[in-house]
Amino acid sequence: MEKDPADLTTKQRILEAAAQVFAESGYNGARVDEIARRAGVNKALIYYYYDNKESLLSILFQETRDAVFALLDSGFVASMDYSSPESTARFLRSILDLLEERQNVIRLVIMESAKRTPINDRIFAMLDEILTRMFKVADEARLPLEKDRTKGMITEFFTGIMPLLNYVAYHEIWMDRFGIEEPELRENFIEAFMGTHFAYTLGTVTLGTVALGQKSD
């Protein structure tokens, strides 16, 4: 989800442009010249604010991680009623909103996570931090998650995190290819996610149909 350039500061415009170029060309294929062109600045200004291309990537990853941390630490998780489809759906909408605001970073994560590169190492380090924080918050909320952390991390990564990231990365392509509007696609995804991942991991959720088009408060 791209932001209006008129609403961004110069540094934010550079970061937004970097995310766009990284998502389109991959990290190795991205060029600072193109980032400067997209941001509407000269290349020297990028190097004035940021040391190099890698520092742009680091900040984008850090901002994404910190945004997820802020949601996890907000009390939302602890206060949720996981036996309620409406409460669970509101939580998932909040996660999707957060990730879609950083859609280009998510596309980059999907693209680079399958490669054996130093960027891959950084992505999985970020995901490990998020998983660790998630388990900490879940423990504090006394949620009935898997006690075996190795099994729990495998479950959360492959059936929780990756489906969410894939939805954010691919939902617009799916809409174009199959002629479906986003509200319907999103609510069907949320219903499926609750009936699979949450039903398995929590074991307590009785999941009914979530009304299409219902929005979070």
Protein backbone atom coordinates (compact mmCIF):
# COMPACT_ATOMS: atom_id res chain seq x y z
CA MET A 1 0.00 0.00 0.00
CA GLU A 2 1.84 3.07 -1.26
CA LYS A 3 1.64 6.39 0.55
CA ASP A 4 0.97 9.78 -0.99
CA PRO A 5 4.40 11.37 -1.64
CA ALA A 6 2.99 14.76 -0.66
CA ASP A 7 2.42 13.47 2.86
CA LEU A 8 5.96 12.17 3.34
CA THR A 9 9.08 13.88 4.59
CA THR A 10 12.24 13.64 2.47
CA LYS A 11 13.68 10.81 4.57
CA GLN A 12 10.38 8.96 4.51
CA ARG A 13 10.12 9.42 0.74
CA ILE A 14 13.56 7.88 0.35
CA LEU A 15 12.59 4.90 2.52
CA GLU A 16 9.30 4.46 0.65
CA ALA A 17 11.12 4.59 -2.68
CA ALA A 18 13.73 2.11 -1.44
CA ALA A 19 10.98 -0.31 -0.40
CA GLN A 20 9.38 -0.03 -3.85
CA VAL A 21 12.65 -0.63 -5.69
CA PHE A 22 13.70 -3.49 -3.38
CA ALA A 23 10.30 -5.16 -3.87
CA GLU A 24 10.52 -4.87 -7.66
CA SER A 25 14.20 -5.66 -8.24
CA GLY A 26 15.31 -7.55 -5.16
CA TYR A 27 18.03 -6.26 -2.88
CA ASN A 28 20.94 -7.06 -5.18
CA GLY A 29 19.20 -5.68 -8.25
CA ALA A 30 18.14 -2.42 -6.58
CA ARG A 31 20.12 0.68 -7.56
CA VAL A 32 20.50 3.84 -5.52
CA ASP A 33 20.06 5.89 -8.71
CA GLU A 34 16.59 4.43 -9.15
CA ILE A 35 15.72 4.96 -5.49
CA ALA A 36 16.73 8.61 -5.85
CA ARG A 37 14.63 8.98 -8.99
CA ARG A 38 11.54 7.47 -7.31
CA ALA A 39 12.02 9.66 -4.25
CA GLY A 40 12.50 12.80 -6.34
CA VAL A 41 15.90 13.59 -4.80
CA ASN A 42 19.50 13.46 -5.95
CA LYS A 43 21.67 10.50 -5.02
CA ALA A 44 23.95 12.62 -2.86
CA LEU A 45 21.02 13.40 -0.55
CA ILE A 46 20.42 9.71 0.02
CA TYR A 47 24.03 9.28 1.08
CA TYR A 48 23.69 12.34 3.31
CA TYR A 49 20.90 10.68 5.27
CA TYR A 50 21.91 7.02 4.93
CA ASP A 51 25.31 5.35 4.78
CA ASN A 52 24.46 2.96 1.96
CA LYS A 53 21.81 0.71 0.45
CA GLU A 54 22.20 -1.75 3.31
CA SER A 55 21.33 0.90 5.89
CA LEU A 56 18.07 1.59 4.02
CA LEU A 57 17.24 -2.09 4.22
CA SER A 58 18.11 -2.24 7.92
CA ILE A 59 15.79 0.66 8.74
CA LEU A 60 12.93 -0.84 6.73
CA PHE A 61 13.29 -4.16 8.55
CA GLN A 62 13.64 -2.46 11.92
CA GLU A 63 10.54 -0.32 11.40
CA THR A 64 8.53 -3.38 10.39
CA ARG A 65 9.72 -5.38 13.39
CA ASP A 66 9.04 -2.50 15.76
CA ALA A 67 5.52 -2.04 14.39
CA VAL A 68 4.76 -5.72 15.01
CA PHE A 69 6.27 -5.44 18.52
CA ALA A 70 4.08 -2.42 19.24
CA LEU A 71 0.94 -4.35 18.28
CA LEU A 72 1.96 -7.37 20.34
CA ASP A 73 2.78 -5.20 23.34
CA SER A 74 -0.33 -3.04 23.07
CA GLY A 75 -2.43 -5.29 25.27
CA PHE A 76 -4.54 -6.32 22.30
CA VAL A 77 -3.33 -9.93 22.49
CA ALA A 78 -3.88 -10.26 26.23
CA SER A 79 -7.36 -8.77 26.10
CA MET A 80 -8.66 -10.84 23.20
CA ASP A 81 -11.39 -13.42 23.56
CA TYR A 82 -10.03 -16.19 21.34
CA SER A 83 -13.27 -18.16 21.62
CA SER A 84 -15.03 -15.30 19.81
CA PRO A 85 -14.82 -15.23 15.99
CA GLU A 86 -15.50 -11.48 16.03
CA SER A 87 -12.68 -10.74 18.49
CA THR A 88 -10.25 -12.96 16.63
CA ALA A 89 -11.18 -11.44 13.28
CA ARG A 90 -10.60 -7.91 14.64
CA PHE A 91 -7.12 -8.95 15.71
CA LEU A 92 -6.34 -10.43 12.30
CA ARG A 93 -7.60 -7.31 10.55
CA SER A 94 -5.24 -5.24 12.70
CA ILE A 95 -2.30 -7.46 11.73
CA LEU A 96 -3.20 -7.30 8.05
CA ASP A 97 -3.63 -3.52 8.17
CA LEU A 98 -0.19 -3.19 9.76
CA LEU A 99 1.48 -5.46 7.22
CA GLU A 100 -0.29 -3.97 4.21
CA GLU A 101 1.03 -0.53 5.17
CA ARG A 102 4.46 -2.14 4.65
CA GLN A 103 3.49 -4.23 1.65
CA ASN A 104 6.69 -3.62 -0.31
CA VAL A 105 8.83 -4.69 2.64
CA ILE A 106 6.73 -7.86 2.92
CA ARG A 107 7.20 -8.53 -0.79
CA LEU A 108 10.94 -8.16 -0.32
CA VAL A 109 10.86 -10.56 2.64
CA ILE A 110 9.01 -13.16 0.54
CA MET A 111 11.41 -12.69 -2.38
CA GLU A 112 14.65 -12.81 -0.41
CA SER A 113 13.73 -15.35 2.28
CA ALA A 114 14.13 -18.28 -0.12
CA LYS A 115 17.67 -17.25 -1.11
CA ARG A 116 20.87 -18.35 0.61
CA THR A 117 22.26 -14.84 1.08
CA PRO A 118 23.20 -12.54 3.98
CA ILE A 119 19.80 -10.85 3.48
CA ASN A 120 18.19 -14.22 4.17
CA ASP A 121 20.07 -14.36 7.49
CA ARG A 122 18.77 -10.92 8.43
CA ILE A 123 15.20 -11.81 7.53
CA PHE A 124 15.22 -14.93 9.67
CA ALA A 125 16.87 -13.05 12.53
CA MET A 126 13.97 -10.57 12.39
CA LEU A 127 11.41 -13.37 12.25
CA ASP A 128 13.08 -15.08 15.20
CA GLU A 129 12.80 -11.87 17.22
CA ILE A 130 9.12 -11.57 16.33
CA LEU A 131 8.42 -15.20 17.24
CA THR A 132 10.26 -14.83 20.55
CA ARG A 133 8.27 -11.71 21.44
CA MET A 134 5.04 -13.39 20.35
CA PHE A 135 5.62 -16.38 22.63
CA LYS A 136 6.51 -14.07 25.52
CA VAL A 137 3.27 -12.12 25.12
CA ALA A 138 1.28 -15.34 24.72
CA ASP A 139 2.83 -16.79 27.89
CA GLU A 140 1.98 -13.64 29.83
CA ALA A 141 -1.59 -13.86 28.53
CA ARG A 142 -1.71 -17.55 29.56
CA LEU A 143 -2.73 -18.66 26.10
CA PRO A 144 -2.77 -22.44 25.58
CA LEU A 145 0.00 -22.52 22.99
CA GLU A 146 2.30 -25.42 22.22
CA LYS A 147 4.73 -25.85 25.16
CA ASP A 148 7.46 -27.37 23.01
CA ARG A 149 9.04 -24.20 21.63
CA THR A 150 10.69 -25.91 18.67
CA LYS A 151 7.38 -27.38 17.55
CA GLY A 152 5.62 -24.12 18.37
CA MET A 153 8.02 -22.07 16.23
CA ILE A 154 7.62 -24.48 13.30
CA THR A 155 3.84 -24.27 13.60
CA GLU A 156 3.75 -20.49 13.91
CA PHE A 157 6.16 -19.91 11.04
CA PHE A 158 4.68 -22.30 8.48
CA THR A 159 0.97 -22.08 9.35
CA GLY A 160 0.80 -18.60 10.92
CA ILE A 161 3.37 -16.08 9.78
CA MET A 162 3.91 -17.25 6.21
CA PRO A 163 0.20 -17.36 5.25
CA LEU A 164 -0.20 -13.80 6.55
CA LEU A 165 2.84 -12.59 4.63
CA ASN A 166 1.71 -14.43 1.49
CA TYR A 167 -1.72 -12.84 1.68
CA VAL A 168 -0.20 -9.36 1.89
CA ALA A 169 2.24 -10.06 -0.94
CA TYR A 170 -0.20 -11.76 -3.32
CA HIS A 171 -3.71 -10.50 -2.59
CA GLU A 172 -3.67 -7.72 -5.21
CA ILE A 173 -2.44 -10.14 -7.87
CA TRP A 174 -5.16 -12.60 -6.85
CA MET A 175 -7.81 -9.86 -7.09
CA ASP A 176 -6.69 -8.98 -10.61
CA ARG A 177 -6.43 -12.59 -11.79
CA PHE A 178 -9.70 -13.86 -10.34
CA GLY A 179 -11.85 -10.74 -10.36
CA ILE A 180 -12.58 -10.62 -6.64
CA GLU A 181 -12.84 -7.46 -4.55
CA GLU A 182 -10.59 -7.00 -1.54
CA PRO A 183 -13.28 -7.00 1.21
CA GLU A 184 -14.55 -10.41 0.08
CA LEU A 185 -11.05 -11.83 -0.41
CA ARG A 186 -9.82 -10.57 2.96
CA GLU A 187 -12.80 -11.86 4.94
CA ASN A 188 -12.60 -15.27 3.28
CA PHE A 189 -8.89 -15.43 4.08
CA ILE A 190 -9.53 -14.45 7.71
CA GLU A 191 -12.23 -17.08 8.07
CA ALA A 192 -9.93 -19.75 6.61
CA PHE A 193 -7.03 -18.64 8.82
CA MET A 194 -9.15 -18.84 11.95
CA GLY A 195 -10.48 -22.25 10.99
CA THR A 196 -7.00 -23.64 10.39
CA HIS A 197 -4.17 -21.93 12.25
CA PHE A 198 -6.01 -20.57 15.28
CA ALA A 199 -8.23 -23.63 15.63
CA TYR A 200 -5.15 -25.85 15.69
CA THR A 201 -2.81 -23.76 17.82
CA LEU A 202 -5.31 -22.65 20.45
CA GLY A 203 -7.60 -25.65 20.33
CA THR A 204 -10.44 -23.69 21.91
CA VAL A 205 -11.79 -21.52 19.13
CA THR A 206 -15.21 -22.37 17.78
CA LEU A 207 -15.13 -20.50 14.52
CA GLY A 208 -18.25 -19.49 12.67
CA THR A 209 -18.64 -17.39 9.57
CA VAL A 210 -17.37 -13.84 9.86
CA ALA A 211 -19.64 -11.28 8.19
CA LEU A 212 -18.04 -10.09 4.97
CA GLY A 213 -17.05 -6.46 4.96
CA GLN A 214 -17.03 -6.15 8.76
CA LYS A 215 -14.30 -3.72 9.78
CA SER A 216 -12.28 -3.37 12.94
CA ASP A 217 -13.19 -0.61 15.38
